């Protein structure tokens, strides 16, 4: 039992490290008057449309992504339990 907790702890440490690494990646994209700055963890930092910053769109997209990640994590948690974690 203790070994299982150690594995989970190590997995959590690795996941946290990967998360920080993904947060440090930045991608700037521009197409037809739309500029987007997004991090590697899929967090939109900036959305500019025709030269105007659109914080409402940025916030809405970030909330939608967060909800989809929660649902995916919940599904993955069920799968991990099936595997004995």
Protein backbone atom coordinates (compact mmCIF):
# COMPACT_ATOMS: atom_id res chain seq x y z
CA UNK A 1 0.00 0.00 0.00
CA UNK A 2 2.81 2.40 0.89
CA UNK A 3 4.47 1.65 -2.45
CA UNK A 4 1.29 2.68 -4.28
CA UNK A 5 1.25 6.05 -2.47
CA UNK A 6 4.91 6.57 -3.32
CA UNK A 7 4.16 5.92 -7.00
CA UNK A 8 1.25 8.36 -6.91
CA UNK A 9 3.41 10.98 -5.20
CA UNK A 10 6.15 10.56 -7.80
CA UNK A 11 3.56 10.77 -10.58
CA UNK A 12 2.17 14.00 -9.07
CA UNK A 13 5.66 15.52 -8.85
CA UNK A 14 6.33 14.68 -12.49
CA UNK A 15 2.95 16.06 -13.56
CA UNK A 16 3.58 19.31 -11.66
CA UNK A 17 6.99 19.64 -13.29
CA UNK A 18 5.50 19.06 -16.74
CA UNK A 19 2.77 21.63 -16.03
CA UNK A 20 5.35 24.30 -15.15
CA UNK A 21 7.29 23.46 -18.29
CA UNK A 22 4.17 23.79 -20.45
CA UNK A 23 3.32 27.14 -18.81
CA UNK A 24 6.72 28.48 -19.87
CA UNK A 25 6.06 27.82 -23.58
CA UNK A 26 4.52 30.76 -25.47
CA UNK A 27 3.18 30.80 -29.01
CA UNK A 28 2.17 33.94 -30.87
CA UNK A 29 -0.15 33.43 -33.82
CA UNK A 30 -1.61 35.95 -36.24
CA UNK A 31 -4.14 35.48 -39.04
CA UNK A 32 -6.41 37.97 -40.81
CA UNK A 33 -6.31 40.65 -38.12
CA UNK A 34 -6.51 38.24 -35.18
CA UNK A 35 -3.50 37.92 -32.89
CA UNK A 36 -3.35 35.26 -30.19
CA UNK A 37 -0.76 34.56 -27.52
CA UNK A 38 -1.19 31.12 -25.95
CA UNK A 39 0.90 29.10 -23.52
CA UNK A 40 1.84 25.46 -23.88
CA UNK A 41 -0.76 24.54 -21.26
CA UNK A 42 -3.47 25.90 -23.59
CA UNK A 43 -4.06 29.09 -21.56
CA UNK A 44 -4.82 32.09 -23.78
CA UNK A 45 -2.87 35.09 -22.50
CA UNK A 46 -4.00 37.60 -25.11
CA UNK A 47 -6.52 37.89 -27.92
CA UNK A 48 -6.40 40.95 -30.19
CA UNK A 49 -8.90 41.39 -33.00
CA UNK A 50 -8.30 44.19 -35.52
CA UNK A 51 -5.98 45.95 -33.07
CA UNK A 52 -8.37 45.77 -30.10
CA UNK A 53 -7.72 43.56 -27.11
CA UNK A 54 -10.70 41.28 -26.42
CA UNK A 55 -10.52 40.17 -22.79
CA UNK A 56 -14.07 38.77 -22.80
CA UNK A 57 -13.26 36.35 -25.60
CA UNK A 58 -9.95 35.43 -23.93
CA UNK A 59 -11.68 34.75 -20.61
CA UNK A 60 -14.50 32.77 -22.22
CA UNK A 61 -12.07 30.57 -24.16
CA UNK A 62 -9.95 29.98 -21.05
CA UNK A 63 -13.03 28.99 -19.04
CA UNK A 64 -14.17 26.61 -21.79
CA UNK A 65 -10.73 25.01 -21.97
CA UNK A 66 -10.60 24.65 -18.18
CA UNK A 67 -14.00 22.92 -18.14
CA UNK A 68 -12.97 20.53 -20.92
CA UNK A 69 -9.75 19.72 -19.03
CA UNK A 70 -11.74 19.00 -15.85
CA UNK A 71 -13.98 16.58 -17.73
CA UNK A 72 -11.01 14.89 -19.36
CA UNK A 73 -9.21 14.60 -16.00
CA UNK A 74 -12.28 13.06 -14.41
CA UNK A 75 -12.47 10.49 -17.18
CA UNK A 76 -8.74 9.77 -16.88
CA UNK A 77 -9.10 9.36 -13.11
CA UNK A 78 -11.65 6.61 -13.71
CA UNK A 79 -9.28 4.92 -16.14
CA UNK A 80 -6.40 5.15 -13.65
CA UNK A 81 -8.57 3.48 -11.02
CA UNK A 82 -9.33 0.71 -13.50
CA UNK A 83 -5.58 0.21 -13.85
CA UNK A 84 -5.17 -0.07 -10.08
CA UNK A 85 -3.81 3.40 -9.26
